[in-house]
């Protein structure tokens, strides 16, 4: 092996197609899917509703959106910036959720499928 070979020090076995099918039917995998969907679907619905509300207000409530809050800042600008803020908040919430709930379960499933990583030179 040369220094340019893309071989990871953590060698794992490669499961066959049947192992993947069996894992998809397992309670552990079903729990992982259920947890992912329990976060993603409601959060998507909330964000799309919020976005649709913003678009509808911008289209049909232009007087309200043009209401000055302070200086040249109006309600439309604040709500528009709120779209960016909510995107970052949702991303942060998902990362925290995935780190806490999804990643540990996915790691266990991967270990069950591929085996534990091989240790090289005591590392």
Protein backbone atom coordinates (compact mmCIF):
# COMPACT_ATOMS: atom_id res chain seq x y z
CA UNK A 1 0.00 0.00 0.00
CA UNK A 2 1.38 3.41 -0.94
CA UNK A 3 0.74 6.67 0.86
CA UNK A 4 -1.72 7.68 -1.88
CA UNK A 5 -4.02 4.65 -1.45
CA UNK A 6 -7.44 5.83 -0.19
CA UNK A 7 -7.73 3.01 2.36
CA UNK A 8 -9.18 3.95 5.71
CA UNK A 9 -7.53 2.61 8.85
CA UNK A 10 -11.03 1.55 9.92
CA UNK A 11 -11.72 -1.41 7.63
CA UNK A 12 -15.28 -2.76 7.80
CA UNK A 13 -16.93 -5.71 6.11
CA UNK A 14 -19.24 -5.01 3.16
CA UNK A 15 -22.74 -6.38 3.77
CA UNK A 16 -24.64 -7.97 0.90
CA UNK A 17 -28.02 -6.84 -0.41
CA UNK A 18 -29.91 -9.36 1.72
CA UNK A 19 -28.33 -7.92 4.89
CA UNK A 20 -29.62 -4.46 3.94
CA UNK A 21 -33.11 -5.81 3.28
CA UNK A 22 -33.13 -7.60 6.62
CA UNK A 23 -31.89 -4.50 8.41
CA UNK A 24 -34.63 -2.37 6.85
CA UNK A 25 -37.19 -4.75 8.35
CA UNK A 26 -35.58 -4.69 11.80
CA UNK A 27 -37.19 -2.87 14.74
CA UNK A 28 -34.03 -0.78 15.19
CA UNK A 29 -34.20 0.58 11.65
CA UNK A 30 -37.94 1.16 11.87
CA UNK A 31 -37.39 3.13 15.08
CA UNK A 32 -34.71 5.24 13.35
CA UNK A 33 -37.09 5.99 10.46
CA UNK A 34 -39.94 6.82 12.85
CA UNK A 35 -37.77 9.23 14.82
CA UNK A 36 -36.50 10.94 11.67
CA UNK A 37 -40.00 11.34 10.28
CA UNK A 38 -41.37 12.57 13.61
CA UNK A 39 -38.99 15.53 13.34
CA UNK A 40 -38.78 16.16 9.61
CA UNK A 41 -42.47 16.09 8.63
CA UNK A 42 -43.80 18.46 11.32
CA UNK A 43 -40.85 20.84 10.90
CA UNK A 44 -41.36 20.90 7.14
CA UNK A 45 -45.07 21.63 7.59
CA UNK A 46 -44.31 24.48 10.02
CA UNK A 47 -41.70 26.04 7.75
CA UNK A 48 -43.81 25.75 4.59
CA UNK A 49 -46.81 27.26 6.42
CA UNK A 50 -44.66 30.13 7.66
CA UNK A 51 -43.29 30.70 4.15
CA UNK A 52 -46.77 30.54 2.58
CA UNK A 53 -48.04 33.05 5.15
CA UNK A 54 -45.20 35.40 4.23
CA UNK A 55 -45.93 35.09 0.50
CA UNK A 56 -49.67 35.61 1.03
CA UNK A 57 -49.06 38.67 3.20
CA UNK A 58 -46.67 40.10 0.63
CA UNK A 59 -49.22 39.51 -2.13
CA UNK A 60 -52.50 40.50 -0.51
CA UNK A 61 -51.61 42.60 2.53
CA UNK A 62 -49.19 45.08 1.00
CA UNK A 63 -50.45 47.85 3.29
CA UNK A 64 -49.66 45.77 6.35
CA UNK A 65 -46.28 44.71 5.00
CA UNK A 66 -45.43 48.36 4.26
CA UNK A 67 -46.18 49.43 7.85
CA UNK A 68 -43.12 51.25 9.20
CA UNK A 69 -41.68 49.80 12.37
CA UNK A 70 -38.76 52.23 12.76
CA UNK A 71 -36.91 54.37 10.25
CA UNK A 72 -37.10 52.74 6.81
CA UNK A 73 -37.64 49.29 8.32
CA UNK A 74 -41.12 47.90 7.71
CA UNK A 75 -42.99 44.75 8.67
CA UNK A 76 -42.17 43.11 5.31
CA UNK A 77 -38.42 43.48 5.84
CA UNK A 78 -38.65 42.09 9.37
CA UNK A 79 -40.73 39.10 8.26
CA UNK A 80 -38.42 38.55 5.27
CA UNK A 81 -35.38 38.48 7.54
CA UNK A 82 -37.36 36.19 9.80
CA UNK A 83 -37.39 33.67 6.95
CA UNK A 84 -33.60 33.53 7.07
CA UNK A 85 -33.54 33.34 10.85
CA UNK A 86 -36.09 30.52 10.90
CA UNK A 87 -34.04 28.56 8.35
CA UNK A 88 -30.96 28.78 10.58
CA UNK A 89 -32.98 27.89 13.69
CA UNK A 90 -34.49 24.83 11.99
CA UNK A 91 -31.04 23.76 10.82
CA UNK A 92 -29.61 24.10 14.34
CA UNK A 93 -32.55 22.18 15.81
CA UNK A 94 -32.10 19.39 13.28
CA UNK A 95 -28.36 19.12 13.95
CA UNK A 96 -28.99 18.90 17.69
CA UNK A 97 -31.78 16.35 17.16
CA UNK A 98 -29.66 14.25 14.78
CA UNK A 99 -26.65 14.29 17.10
CA UNK A 100 -28.79 13.26 20.07
CA UNK A 101 -31.37 10.91 18.56
CA UNK A 102 -30.41 9.73 15.08
CA UNK A 103 -26.64 9.41 14.92
CA UNK A 104 -26.24 7.04 17.89
CA UNK A 105 -28.94 4.73 16.50
CA UNK A 106 -27.51 4.90 12.99
CA UNK A 107 -24.05 4.05 14.34
CA UNK A 108 -25.42 0.99 16.12
CA UNK A 109 -27.14 -0.14 12.92
CA UNK A 110 -23.96 0.40 10.93
CA UNK A 111 -21.92 -1.55 13.47
CA UNK A 112 -24.44 -4.38 13.33
CA UNK A 113 -24.26 -4.45 9.52
CA UNK A 114 -20.55 -3.89 8.98
CA UNK A 115 -18.98 -4.90 12.25
CA UNK A 116 -16.83 -2.79 14.51
CA UNK A 117 -13.99 -0.83 12.89
CA UNK A 118 -10.68 -2.66 12.90
CA UNK A 119 -8.07 -1.14 15.19
CA UNK A 120 -4.70 -0.44 13.60
CA UNK A 121 -1.52 -0.20 15.71
CA UNK A 122 -3.40 0.44 18.94
CA UNK A 123 -5.20 3.53 17.62
